[in-house]
PDB file of N, CA and C in Angstrom:
ATOM      1  N   GLN A   1       0.851  -1.186   0.000  1.00  0.00           N
ATOM      2  CA  GLN A   1       0.000   0.000   0.000  1.00  0.00           C
ATOM      3  C   GLN A   1       0.892   1.243   0.000  1.00  0.00           C
ATOM      4  N   VAL A   2       0.683   2.107  -0.978  1.00  0.00           N
ATOM      5  CA  VAL A   2       1.480   3.330  -1.087  1.00  0.00           C
ATOM      6  C   VAL A   2       0.926   4.381  -0.128  1.00  0.00           C
ATOM      7  N   GLN A   3       1.807   4.952   0.664  1.00  0.00           N
ATOM      8  CA  GLN A   3       1.403   6.011   1.582  1.00  0.00           C
ATOM      9  C   GLN A   3       2.401   7.158   1.510  1.00  0.00           C
ATOM     10  N   LEU A   4       1.862   8.378   1.586  1.00  0.00           N
ATOM     11  CA  LEU A   4       2.686   9.578   1.603  1.00  0.00           C
ATOM     12  C   LEU A   4       2.282  10.400   2.821  1.00  0.00           C
ATOM     13  N   VAL A   5       3.253  10.815   3.585  1.00  0.00           N
ATOM     14  CA  VAL A   5       2.985  11.594   4.792  1.00  0.00           C
ATOM     15  C   VAL A   5       3.841  12.854   4.767  1.00  0.00           C
ATOM     16  N   GLU A   6       3.166  14.013   4.737  1.00  0.00           N
ATOM     17  CA  GLU A   6       3.864  15.290   4.719  1.00  0.00           C
ATOM     18  C   GLU A   6       4.059  15.818   6.132  1.00  0.00           C
ATOM     19  N   SER A   7       5.048  16.665   6.265  1.00  0.00           N
ATOM     20  CA  SER A   7       5.270  17.400   7.511  1.00  0.00           C
ATOM     21  C   SER A   7       6.058  18.658   7.173  1.00  0.00           C
ATOM     22  N   GLY A   8       6.119  19.563   8.145  1.00  0.00           N
ATOM     23  CA  GLY A   8       6.944  20.750   7.977  1.00  0.00           C
ATOM     24  C   GLY A   8       6.195  22.033   7.715  1.00  0.00           C
ATOM     25  N   GLY A   9       4.889  21.943   7.552  1.00  0.00           N
ATOM     26  CA  GLY A   9       4.129  23.170   7.340  1.00  0.00           C
ATOM     27  C   GLY A   9       4.061  23.994   8.619  1.00  0.00           C
ATOM     28  N   GLY A  10       3.511  25.189   8.481  1.00  0.00           N
ATOM     29  CA  GLY A  10       3.377  26.059   9.647  1.00  0.00           C
ATOM     30  C   GLY A  10       3.137  27.482   9.239  1.00  0.00           C
ATOM     31  N   ALA A  11       3.274  28.367  10.218  1.00  0.00           N
ATOM     32  CA  ALA A  11       3.074  29.793   9.997  1.00  0.00           C
ATOM     33  C   ALA A  11       4.418  30.501  10.040  1.00  0.00           C
ATOM     34  N   VAL A  12       4.626  31.398   9.107  1.00  0.00           N
ATOM     35  CA  VAL A  12       5.900  32.113   9.014  1.00  0.00           C
ATOM     36  C   VAL A  12       5.632  33.514   8.475  1.00  0.00           C
ATOM     37  N   GLN A  13       6.505  34.437   8.800  1.00  0.00           N
ATOM     38  CA  GLN A  13       6.368  35.784   8.256  1.00  0.00           C
ATOM     39  C   GLN A  13       6.979  35.852   6.857  1.00  0.00           C
ATOM     40  N   ALA A  14       6.513  36.811   6.099  1.00  0.00           N
ATOM     41  CA  ALA A  14       7.051  37.019   4.751  1.00  0.00           C
ATOM     42  C   ALA A  14       8.566  37.167   4.806  1.00  0.00           C
ATOM     43  N   GLY A  15       9.227  36.520   3.853  1.00  0.00           N
ATOM     44  CA  GLY A  15      10.677  36.515   3.827  1.00  0.00           C
ATOM     45  C   GLY A  15      11.292  35.327   4.527  1.00  0.00           C
ATOM     46  N   GLY A  16      10.490  34.604   5.271  1.00  0.00           N
ATOM     47  CA  GLY A  16      10.980  33.454   6.010  1.00  0.00           C
ATOM     48  C   GLY A  16      11.092  32.203   5.152  1.00  0.00           C
ATOM     49  N   SER A  17      11.463  31.113   5.807  1.00  0.00           N
ATOM     50  CA  SER A  17      11.687  29.842   5.114  1.00  0.00           C
ATOM     51  C   SER A  17      10.997  28.700   5.845  1.00  0.00           C
ATOM     52  N   LEU A  18      10.638  27.699   5.086  1.00  0.00           N
ATOM     53  CA  LEU A  18      10.125  26.445   5.620  1.00  0.00           C
ATOM     54  C   LEU A  18      10.639  25.322   4.744  1.00  0.00           C
ATOM     55  N   ARG A  19      10.772  24.132   5.323  1.00  0.00           N
ATOM     56  CA  ARG A  19      11.097  22.946   4.550  1.00  0.00           C
ATOM     57  C   ARG A  19      10.024  21.900   4.779  1.00  0.00           C
ATOM     58  N   LEU A  20       9.352  21.530   3.706  1.00  0.00           N
ATOM     59  CA  LEU A  20       8.363  20.474   3.758  1.00  0.00           C
ATOM     60  C   LEU A  20       9.029  19.136   3.456  1.00  0.00           C
ATOM     61  N   SER A  21       8.536  18.098   4.124  1.00  0.00           N
ATOM     62  CA  SER A  21       9.022  16.741   3.889  1.00  0.00           C
ATOM     63  C   SER A  21       7.857  15.850   3.499  1.00  0.00           C
ATOM     64  N   CYS A  22       8.143  14.855   2.688  1.00  0.00           N
ATOM     65  CA  CYS A  22       7.131  13.883   2.261  1.00  0.00           C
ATOM     66  C   CYS A  22       7.785  12.508   2.306  1.00  0.00           C
ATOM     67  N   VAL A  23       7.364  11.717   3.276  1.00  0.00           N
ATOM     68  CA  VAL A  23       7.901  10.366   3.411  1.00  0.00           C
ATOM     69  C   VAL A  23       6.991   9.396   2.656  1.00  0.00           C
ATOM     70  N   VAL A  24       7.586   8.606   1.791  1.00  0.00           N
ATOM     71  CA  VAL A  24       6.837   7.676   0.948  1.00  0.00           C
ATOM     72  C   VAL A  24       7.131   6.248   1.398  1.00  0.00           C
ATOM     73  N   SER A  25       6.087   5.446   1.538  1.00  0.00           N
ATOM     74  CA  SER A  25       6.257   4.044   1.898  1.00  0.00           C
ATOM     75  C   SER A  25       5.433   3.174   0.969  1.00  0.00           C
ATOM     76  N   GLY A  26       5.838   1.911   0.889  1.00  0.00           N
ATOM     77  CA  GLY A  26       5.074   0.942   0.119  1.00  0.00           C
ATOM     78  C   GLY A  26       5.433   0.853  -1.345  1.00  0.00           C
ATOM     79  N   ILE A  27       6.534   1.538  -1.743  1.00  0.00           N
ATOM     80  CA  ILE A  27       6.895   1.532  -3.157  1.00  0.00           C
ATOM     81  C   ILE A  27       8.375   1.830  -3.298  1.00  0.00           C
ATOM     82  N   ALA A  28       8.940   1.365  -4.421  1.00  0.00           N
ATOM     83  CA  ALA A  28      10.333   1.686  -4.736  1.00  0.00           C
ATOM     84  C   ALA A  28      10.398   3.149  -5.138  1.00  0.00           C
ATOM     85  N   PHE A  29      10.699   3.957  -4.196  1.00  0.00           N
ATOM     86  CA  PHE A  29      10.556   5.412  -4.243  1.00  0.00           C
ATOM     87  C   PHE A  29      11.251   6.087  -5.415  1.00  0.00           C
ATOM     88  N   SER A  30      12.441   5.643  -5.740  1.00  0.00           N
ATOM     89  CA  SER A  30      13.301   6.440  -6.608  1.00  0.00           C
ATOM     90  C   SER A  30      12.972   6.364  -8.091  1.00  0.00           C
ATOM     91  N   ILE A  31      12.070   5.478  -8.488  1.00  0.00           N
ATOM     92  CA  ILE A  31      11.900   5.263  -9.928  1.00  0.00           C
ATOM     93  C   ILE A  31      10.669   5.943 -10.507  1.00  0.00           C
ATOM     94  N   TYR A  32      10.046   6.809  -9.731  1.00  0.00           N
ATOM     95  CA  TYR A  32       8.828   7.452 -10.205  1.00  0.00           C
ATOM     96  C   TYR A  32       8.931   8.961 -10.097  1.00  0.00           C
ATOM     97  N   THR A  33       8.155   9.619 -10.949  1.00  0.00           N
ATOM     98  CA  THR A  33       8.056  11.070 -10.860  1.00  0.00           C
ATOM     99  C   THR A  33       7.193  11.441  -9.666  1.00  0.00           C
ATOM    100  N   MET A  34       7.616  12.456  -8.954  1.00  0.00           N
ATOM    101  CA  MET A  34       6.857  12.923  -7.810  1.00  0.00           C
ATOM    102  C   MET A  34       7.018  14.424  -7.671  1.00  0.00           C
ATOM    103  N   GLY A  35       6.171  15.021  -6.848  1.00  0.00           N
ATOM    104  CA  GLY A  35       6.254  16.466  -6.716  1.00  0.00           C
ATOM    105  C   GLY A  35       5.284  17.015  -5.694  1.00  0.00           C
ATOM    106  N   TRP A  36       5.060  18.317  -5.810  1.00  0.00           N
ATOM    107  CA  TRP A  36       4.212  19.049  -4.873  1.00  0.00           C
ATOM    108  C   TRP A  36       3.203  19.893  -5.621  1.00  0.00           C
ATOM    109  N   TYR A  37       1.968  19.856  -5.155  1.00  0.00           N
ATOM    110  CA  TYR A  37       0.932  20.771  -5.573  1.00  0.00           C
ATOM    111  C   TYR A  37       0.579  21.659  -4.380  1.00  0.00           C
ATOM    112  N   ARG A  38      -0.105  22.737  -4.668  1.00  0.00           N
ATOM    113  CA  ARG A  38      -0.662  23.558  -3.597  1.00  0.00           C
ATOM    114  C   ARG A  38      -2.013  24.119  -4.031  1.00  0.00           C
ATOM    115  N   GLN A  39      -2.825  24.413  -3.030  1.00  0.00           N
ATOM    116  CA  GLN A  39      -4.109  25.068  -3.282  1.00  0.00           C
ATOM    117  C   GLN A  39      -4.318  26.127  -2.240  1.00  0.00           C
ATOM    118  N   GLY A  40      -4.322  27.369  -2.683  1.00  0.00           N
ATOM    119  CA  GLY A  40      -4.540  28.489  -1.787  1.00  0.00           C
ATOM    120  C   GLY A  40      -6.015  28.799  -1.650  1.00  0.00           C
ATOM    121  N   PRO A  41      -6.381  29.617  -0.675  1.00  0.00           N
ATOM    122  CA  PRO A  41      -7.789  29.957  -0.455  1.00  0.00           C
ATOM    123  C   PRO A  41      -8.402  30.628  -1.682  1.00  0.00           C
ATOM    124  N   GLY A  42      -9.471  30.056  -2.191  1.00  0.00           N
ATOM    125  CA  GLY A  42     -10.144  30.607  -3.346  1.00  0.00           C
ATOM    126  C   GLY A  42      -9.407  30.429  -4.659  1.00  0.00           C
ATOM    127  N   LYS A  43      -8.378  29.596  -4.667  1.00  0.00           N
ATOM    128  CA  LYS A  43      -7.591  29.400  -5.874  1.00  0.00           C
ATOM    129  C   LYS A  43      -7.678  27.964  -6.353  1.00  0.00           C
ATOM    130  N   GLN A  44      -7.329  27.780  -7.633  1.00  0.00           N
ATOM    131  CA  GLN A  44      -7.249  26.423  -8.159  1.00  0.00           C
ATOM    132  C   GLN A  44      -5.944  25.768  -7.707  1.00  0.00           C
ATOM    133  N   ARG A  45      -5.965  24.457  -7.677  1.00  0.00           N
ATOM    134  CA  ARG A  45      -4.752  23.716  -7.336  1.00  0.00           C
ATOM    135  C   ARG A  45      -3.714  23.936  -8.437  1.00  0.00           C
ATOM    136  N   GLU A  46      -2.476  24.136  -8.051  1.00  0.00           N
ATOM    137  CA  GLU A  46      -1.431  24.338  -9.034  1.00  0.00           C
ATOM    138  C   GLU A  46      -0.216  23.476  -8.694  1.00  0.00           C
ATOM    139  N   LEU A  47       0.478  23.071  -9.747  1.00  0.00           N
ATOM    140  CA  LEU A  47       1.708  22.324  -9.577  1.00  0.00           C
ATOM    141  C   LEU A  47       2.814  23.293  -9.175  1.00  0.00           C
ATOM    142  N   VAL A  48       3.463  23.012  -8.073  1.00  0.00           N
ATOM    143  CA  VAL A  48       4.531  23.869  -7.579  1.00  0.00           C
ATOM    144  C   VAL A  48       5.876  23.419  -8.150  1.00  0.00           C
ATOM    145  N   ALA A  49       6.149  22.125  -8.045  1.00  0.00           N
ATOM    146  CA  ALA A  49       7.429  21.599  -8.509  1.00  0.00           C
ATOM    147  C   ALA A  49       7.311  20.096  -8.663  1.00  0.00           C
ATOM    148  N   ASP A  50       8.087  19.546  -9.607  1.00  0.00           N
ATOM    149  CA  ASP A  50       8.156  18.107  -9.671  1.00  0.00           C
ATOM    150  C   ASP A  50       9.574  17.645  -9.937  1.00  0.00           C
ATOM    151  N   LEU A  51       9.778  16.372  -9.695  1.00  0.00           N
ATOM    152  CA  LEU A  51      11.101  15.753  -9.766  1.00  0.00           C
ATOM    153  C   LEU A  51      10.938  14.451 -10.539  1.00  0.00           C
ATOM    154  N   THR A  52      11.560  14.391 -11.702  1.00  0.00           N
ATOM    155  CA  THR A  52      11.370  13.225 -12.552  1.00  0.00           C
ATOM    156  C   THR A  52      12.248  12.072 -12.095  1.00  0.00           C
ATOM    157  N   ARG A  53      11.967  10.898 -12.616  1.00  0.00           N
ATOM    158  CA  ARG A  53      12.748   9.719 -12.241  1.00  0.00           C
ATOM    159  C   ARG A  53      14.203   9.871 -12.645  1.00  0.00           C
ATOM    160  N   GLY A  54      14.452  10.686 -13.666  1.00  0.00           N
ATOM    161  CA  GLY A  54      15.823  10.920 -14.102  1.00  0.00           C
ATOM    162  C   GLY A  54      16.532  12.010 -13.321  1.00  0.00           C
ATOM    163  N   GLY A  55      15.811  12.632 -12.396  1.00  0.00           N
ATOM    164  CA  GLY A  55      16.425  13.667 -11.581  1.00  0.00           C
ATOM    165  C   GLY A  55      16.182  15.078 -12.064  1.00  0.00           C
ATOM    166  N   GLY A  56      15.434  15.216 -13.170  1.00  0.00           N
ATOM    167  CA  GLY A  56      15.110  16.550 -13.648  1.00  0.00           C
ATOM    168  C   GLY A  56      14.089  17.218 -12.762  1.00  0.00           C
ATOM    169  N   THR A  57      14.092  18.536 -12.768  1.00  0.00           N
ATOM    170  CA  THR A  57      13.161  19.292 -11.941  1.00  0.00           C
ATOM    171  C   THR A  57      12.404  20.311 -12.791  1.00  0.00           C
ATOM    172  N   ASN A  58      11.189  20.601 -12.369  1.00  0.00           N
ATOM    173  CA  ASN A  58      10.368  21.629 -12.988  1.00  0.00           C
ATOM    174  C   ASN A  58       9.713  22.449 -11.893  1.00  0.00           C
ATOM    175  N   TYR A  59       9.602  23.747 -12.135  1.00  0.00           N
ATOM    176  CA  TYR A  59       9.022  24.649 -11.141  1.00  0.00           C
ATOM    177  C   TYR A  59       7.992  25.559 -11.780  1.00  0.00           C
ATOM    178  N   ALA A  60       6.977  25.897 -10.989  1.00  0.00           N
ATOM    179  CA  ALA A  60       6.061  26.946 -11.416  1.00  0.00           C
ATOM    180  C   ALA A  60       6.836  28.256 -11.485  1.00  0.00           C
ATOM    181  N   ASP A  61       6.465  29.103 -12.418  1.00  0.00           N
ATOM    182  CA  ASP A  61       7.165  30.384 -12.563  1.00  0.00           C
ATOM    183  C   ASP A  61       7.133  31.185 -11.261  1.00  0.00           C
ATOM    184  N   SER A  62       6.056  31.057 -10.529  1.00  0.00           N
ATOM    185  CA  SER A  62       5.871  31.853  -9.322  1.00  0.00           C
ATOM    186  C   SER A  62       6.833  31.482  -8.193  1.00  0.00           C
ATOM    187  N   VAL A  63       7.477  30.316  -8.293  1.00  0.00           N
ATOM    188  CA  VAL A  63       8.365  29.883  -7.210  1.00  0.00           C
ATOM    189  C   VAL A  63       9.812  29.708  -7.662  1.00  0.00           C
ATOM    190  N   LYS A  64      10.073  29.874  -8.947  1.00  0.00           N
ATOM    191  CA  LYS A  64      11.439  29.699  -9.453  1.00  0.00           C
ATOM    192  C   LYS A  64      12.403  30.635  -8.735  1.00  0.00           C
ATOM    193  N   GLY A  65      13.524  30.076  -8.338  1.00  0.00           N
ATOM    194  CA  GLY A  65      14.535  30.859  -7.641  1.00  0.00           C
ATOM    195  C   GLY A  65      14.310  30.948  -6.146  1.00  0.00           C
ATOM    196  N   ARG A  66      13.140  30.512  -5.681  1.00  0.00           N
ATOM    197  CA  ARG A  66      12.838  30.568  -4.245  1.00  0.00           C
ATOM    198  C   ARG A  66      12.661  29.186  -3.633  1.00  0.00           C
ATOM    199  N   PHE A  67      12.087  28.268  -4.401  1.00  0.00           N
ATOM    200  CA  PHE A  67      11.808  26.915  -3.903  1.00  0.00           C
ATOM    201  C   PHE A  67      12.774  25.931  -4.556  1.00  0.00           C
ATOM    202  N   THR A  68      13.114  24.891  -3.805  1.00  0.00           N
ATOM    203  CA  THR A  68      13.961  23.823  -4.328  1.00  0.00           C
ATOM    204  C   THR A  68      13.375  22.476  -3.939  1.00  0.00           C
ATOM    205  N   ILE A  69      13.175  21.631  -4.933  1.00  0.00           N
ATOM    206  CA  ILE A  69      12.682  20.281  -4.681  1.00  0.00           C
ATOM    207  C   ILE A  69      13.861  19.318  -4.714  1.00  0.00           C
ATOM    208  N   SER A  70      13.833  18.331  -3.823  1.00  0.00           N
ATOM    209  CA  SER A  70      14.913  17.351  -3.783  1.00  0.00           C
ATOM    210  C   SER A  70      14.382  16.081  -3.145  1.00  0.00           C
ATOM    211  N   ARG A  71      15.190  15.032  -3.189  1.00  0.00           N
ATOM    212  CA  ARG A  71      14.786  13.809  -2.510  1.00  0.00           C
ATOM    213  C   ARG A  71      16.010  13.067  -2.017  1.00  0.00           C
ATOM    214  N   ASP A  72      15.789  12.302  -0.965  1.00  0.00           N
ATOM    215  CA  ASP A  72      16.811  11.450  -0.382  1.00  0.00           C
ATOM    216  C   ASP A  72      16.311  10.016  -0.546  1.00  0.00           C
ATOM    217  N   ASN A  73      16.882   9.311  -1.519  1.00  0.00           N
ATOM    218  CA  ASN A  73      16.397   7.960  -1.809  1.00  0.00           C
ATOM    219  C   ASN A  73      16.620   7.014  -0.636  1.00  0.00           C
ATOM    220  N   ALA A  74      17.678   7.226   0.107  1.00  0.00           N
ATOM    221  CA  ALA A  74      17.959   6.344   1.250  1.00  0.00           C
ATOM    222  C   ALA A  74      16.898   6.474   2.331  1.00  0.00           C
ATOM    223  N   LYS A  75      16.272   7.643   2.400  1.00  0.00           N
ATOM    224  CA  LYS A  75      15.246   7.887   3.418  1.00  0.00           C
ATOM    225  C   LYS A  75      13.838   7.848   2.849  1.00  0.00           C
ATOM    226  N   ASN A  76      13.723   7.557   1.547  1.00  0.00           N
ATOM    227  CA  ASN A  76      12.405   7.554   0.896  1.00  0.00           C
ATOM    228  C   ASN A  76      11.656   8.859   1.176  1.00  0.00           C
ATOM    229  N   THR A  77      12.369   9.941   1.127  1.00  0.00           N
ATOM    230  CA  THR A  77      11.782  11.233   1.497  1.00  0.00           C
ATOM    231  C   THR A  77      12.062  12.271   0.420  1.00  0.00           C
ATOM    232  N   MET A  78      11.039  13.048   0.115  1.00  0.00           N
ATOM    233  CA  MET A  78      11.152  14.168  -0.796  1.00  0.00           C
ATOM    234  C   MET A  78      11.001  15.449   0.014  1.00  0.00           C
ATOM    235  N   TYR A  79      11.680  16.492  -0.425  1.00  0.00           N
ATOM    236  CA  TYR A  79      11.658  17.755   0.293  1.00  0.00           C
ATOM    237  C   TYR A  79      11.249  18.906  -0.627  1.00  0.00           C
ATOM    238  N   LEU A  80      10.708  19.932  -0.014  1.00  0.00           N
ATOM    239  CA  LEU A  80      10.490  21.189  -0.715  1.00  0.00           C
ATOM    240  C   LEU A  80      11.019  22.294   0.189  1.00  0.00           C
ATOM    241  N   GLN A  81      12.168  22.825  -0.164  1.00  0.00           N
ATOM    242  CA  GLN A  81      12.744  23.944   0.570  1.00  0.00           C
ATOM    243  C   GLN A  81      12.154  25.228   0.024  1.00  0.00           C
ATOM    244  N   MET A  82      11.522  25.997   0.884  1.00  0.00           N
ATOM    245  CA  MET A  82      10.841  27.213   0.468  1.00  0.00           C
ATOM    246  C   MET A  82      11.491  28.408   1.157  1.00  0.00           C
ATOM    247  N   ASN A  83      12.090  29.266   0.374  1.00  0.00           N
ATOM    248  CA  ASN A  83      12.745  30.466   0.891  1.00  0.00           C
ATOM    249  C   ASN A  83      12.036  31.713   0.378  1.00  0.00           C
ATOM    250  N   SER A  84      12.315  32.815   1.014  1.00  0.00           N
ATOM    251  CA  SER A  84      11.730  34.104   0.604  1.00  0.00           C
ATOM    252  C   SER A  84      10.224  33.989   0.425  1.00  0.00           C
ATOM    253  N   LEU A  85       9.590  33.408   1.408  1.00  0.00           N
ATOM    254  CA  LEU A  85       8.148  33.156   1.304  1.00  0.00           C
ATOM    255  C   LEU A  85       7.366  34.455   1.245  1.00  0.00           C
ATOM    256  N   LYS A  86       6.284  34.392   0.490  1.00  0.00           N
ATOM    257  CA  LYS A  86       5.399  35.535   0.290  1.00  0.00           C
ATOM    258  C   LYS A  86       3.993  35.176   0.771  1.00  0.00           C
ATOM    259  N   PRO A  87       3.190  36.179   1.115  1.00  0.00           N
ATOM    260  CA  PRO A  87       1.813  35.869   1.528  1.00  0.00           C
ATOM    261  C   PRO A  87       1.045  35.051   0.480  1.00  0.00           C
ATOM    262  N   GLU A  88       1.346  35.270  -0.794  1.00  0.00           N
ATOM    263  CA  GLU A  88       0.637  34.523  -1.834  1.00  0.00           C
ATOM    264  C   GLU A  88       1.066  33.057  -1.899  1.00  0.00           C
ATOM    265  N   ASP A  89       2.066  32.663  -1.134  1.00  0.00           N
ATOM    266  CA  ASP A  89       2.435  31.251  -1.036  1.00  0.00           C
ATOM    267  C   ASP A  89       1.554  30.506  -0.044  1.00  0.00           C
ATOM    268  N   THR A  90       0.705  31.222   0.671  1.00  0.00           N
ATOM    269  CA  THR A  90      -0.196  30.584   1.628  1.00  0.00           C
ATOM    270  C   THR A  90      -1.088  29.583   0.917  1.00  0.00           C
ATOM    271  N   ALA A  91      -1.071  28.339   1.386  1.00  0.00           N
ATOM    272  CA  ALA A  91      -1.824  27.269   0.721  1.00  0.00           C
ATOM    273  C   ALA A  91      -1.672  25.975   1.508  1.00  0.00           C
ATOM    274  N   VAL A  92      -2.472  25.010   1.132  1.00  0.00           N
ATOM    275  CA  VAL A  92      -2.246  23.631   1.563  1.00  0.00           C
ATOM    276  C   VAL A  92      -1.349  22.982   0.516  1.00  0.00           C
ATOM    277  N   TYR A  93      -0.231  22.458   0.970  1.00  0.00           N
ATOM    278  CA  TYR A  93       0.735  21.825   0.083  1.00  0.00           C
ATOM    279  C   TYR A  93       0.596  20.309   0.203  1.00  0.00           C
ATOM    280  N   SER A  94       0.494  19.657  -0.956  1.00  0.00           N
ATOM    281  CA  SER A  94       0.316  18.207  -0.980  1.00  0.00           C
ATOM    282  C   SER A  94       1.366  17.578  -1.881  1.00  0.00           C
ATOM    283  N   CYS A  95       1.972  16.513  -1.401  1.00  0.00           N
ATOM    284  CA  CYS A  95       2.925  15.794  -2.243  1.00  0.00           C
ATOM    285  C   CYS A  95       2.203  14.661  -2.964  1.00  0.00           C
ATOM    286  N   TYR A  96       2.778  14.240  -4.068  1.00  0.00           N
ATOM    287  CA  TYR A  96       2.183  13.166  -4.851  1.00  0.00           C
ATOM    288  C   TYR A  96       3.293  12.336  -5.475  1.00  0.00           C
ATOM    289  N   ILE A  97       2.934  11.131  -5.898  1.00  0.00           N
ATOM    290  CA  ILE A  97       3.835  10.294  -6.687  1.00  0.00           C
ATOM    291  C   ILE A  97       3.016   9.625  -7.784  1.00  0.00           C
ATOM    292  N   ASN A  98       3.560   9.637  -8.999  1.00  0.00           N
ATOM    293  CA  ASN A  98       2.920   8.975 -10.140  1.00  0.00           C
ATOM    294  C   ASN A  98       3.456   7.554 -10.247  1.00  0.00           C
ATOM    295  N   VAL A  99       2.559   6.603 -10.162  1.00  0.00           N
ATOM    296  CA  VAL A  99       2.925   5.202 -10.305  1.00  0.00           C
ATOM    297  C   VAL A  99       2.123   4.647 -11.475  1.00  0.00           C
ATOM    298  N   ASP A 100       2.809   4.494 -12.608  1.00  0.00           N
ATOM    299  CA  ASP A 100       2.153   4.086 -13.846  1.00  0.00           C
ATOM    300  C   ASP A 100       0.991   5.052 -14.130  1.00  0.00           C
ATOM    301  N   LEU A 101      -0.240   4.588 -14.157  1.00  0.00           N
ATOM    302  CA  LEU A 101      -1.369   5.462 -14.456  1.00  0.00           C
ATOM    303  C   LEU A 101      -2.054   6.009 -13.204  1.00  0.00           C
ATOM    304  N   LEU A 102      -1.485   5.744 -12.058  1.00  0.00           N
ATOM    305  CA  LEU A 102      -2.099   6.170 -10.800  1.00  0.00           C
ATOM    306  C   LEU A 102      -1.300   7.293 -10.176  1.00  0.00           C
ATOM    307  N   LYS A 103      -2.014   8.136  -9.438  1.00  0.00           N
ATOM    308  CA  LYS A 103      -1.378   9.215  -8.690  1.00  0.00           C
ATOM    309  C   LYS A 103      -1.783   9.048  -7.222  1.00  0.00           C
ATOM    310  N   PHE A 104      -0.803   8.942  -6.366  1.00  0.00           N
ATOM    311  CA  PHE A 104      -1.057   8.824  -4.930  1.00  0.00           C
ATOM    312  C   PHE A 104      -0.713  10.149  -4.256  1.00  0.00           C
ATOM    313  N   TRP A 105      -1.497  10.500  -3.226  1.00  0.00           N
ATOM    314  CA  TRP A 105      -1.379  11.794  -2.575  1.00  0.00           C
ATOM    315  C   TRP A 105      -1.136  11.660  -1.081  1.00  0.00           C
ATOM    316  N   GLY A 106      -0.478  12.666  -0.555  1.00  0.00           N
ATOM    317  CA  GLY A 106      -0.413  12.824   0.881  1.00  0.00           C
ATOM    318  C   GLY A 106      -1.633  13.577   1.373  1.00  0.00           C
ATOM    319  N   GLN A 107      -1.695  13.781   2.685  1.00  0.00           N
ATOM    320  CA  GLN A 107      -2.881  14.388   3.285  1.00  0.00           C
ATOM    321  C   GLN A 107      -2.847  15.911   3.213  1.00  0.00           C
ATOM    322  N   GLY A 108      -1.699  16.479   2.915  1.00  0.00           N
ATOM    323  CA  GLY A 108      -1.570  17.930   2.819  1.00  0.00           C
ATOM    324  C   GLY A 108      -1.076  18.546   4.111  1.00  0.00           C
ATOM    325  N   THR A 109      -0.356  19.641   3.958  1.00  0.00           N
ATOM    326  CA  THR A 109       0.133  20.377   5.122  1.00  0.00           C
ATOM    327  C   THR A 109      -0.060  21.872   4.860  1.00  0.00           C
ATOM    328  N   GLN A 110      -0.526  22.588   5.860  1.00  0.00           N
ATOM    329  CA  GLN A 110      -0.848  24.003   5.703  1.00  0.00           C
ATOM    330  C   GLN A 110       0.391  24.869   5.858  1.00  0.00           C
ATOM    331  N   VAL A 111       0.556  25.779   4.921  1.00  0.00           N
ATOM    332  CA  VAL A 111       1.592  26.809   5.001  1.00  0.00           C
ATOM    333  C   VAL A 111       0.896  28.164   4.996  1.00  0.00           C
ATOM    334  N   THR A 112       1.173  28.955   6.005  1.00  0.00           N
ATOM    335  CA  THR A 112       0.572  30.276   6.113  1.00  0.00           C
ATOM    336  C   THR A 112       1.674  31.321   6.238  1.00  0.00           C
ATOM    337  N   VAL A 113       1.677  32.278   5.318  1.00  0.00           N
ATOM    338  CA  VAL A 113       2.699  33.317   5.297  1.00  0.00           C
ATOM    339  C   VAL A 113       2.017  34.655   5.572  1.00  0.00           C
ATOM    340  N   SER A 114       2.436  35.317   6.624  1.00  0.00           N
ATOM    341  CA  SER A 114       1.837  36.598   6.987  1.00  0.00           C
ATOM    342  C   SER A 114       2.744  37.746   6.543  1.00  0.00           C
ATOM    343  N   SER A 115       2.101  38.860   6.253  1.00  0.00           N
ATOM    344  CA  SER A 115       2.869  40.025   5.775  1.00  0.00           C
ATOM    345  C   SER A 115       3.369  40.876   6.921  1.00  0.00           C
TER     346      SER A 115
END
């Protein structure tokens, strides 16, 4: 059974940093594309960043240069380092992993950035 558990969310002032973690169990972690989505209040869900099986990365324009996605295969954990946070980054952040035609999700973690 594939499970994803996020942690690391919280409240921070603008300009601050947070690191989100996503621990994946039940699957050979390193061979699939995975990433992070977010959904802010009154907004549509958007892809923040993803990490391909080959190690390539993609970022939303709104977070380029501020966020970094990475993973530690030995720990089956993916990270999202978020720096220079802005109030518009406030959202529920959810990690996912694509396994063939299926997408598995974590439960989400709240990030709140105050001005």
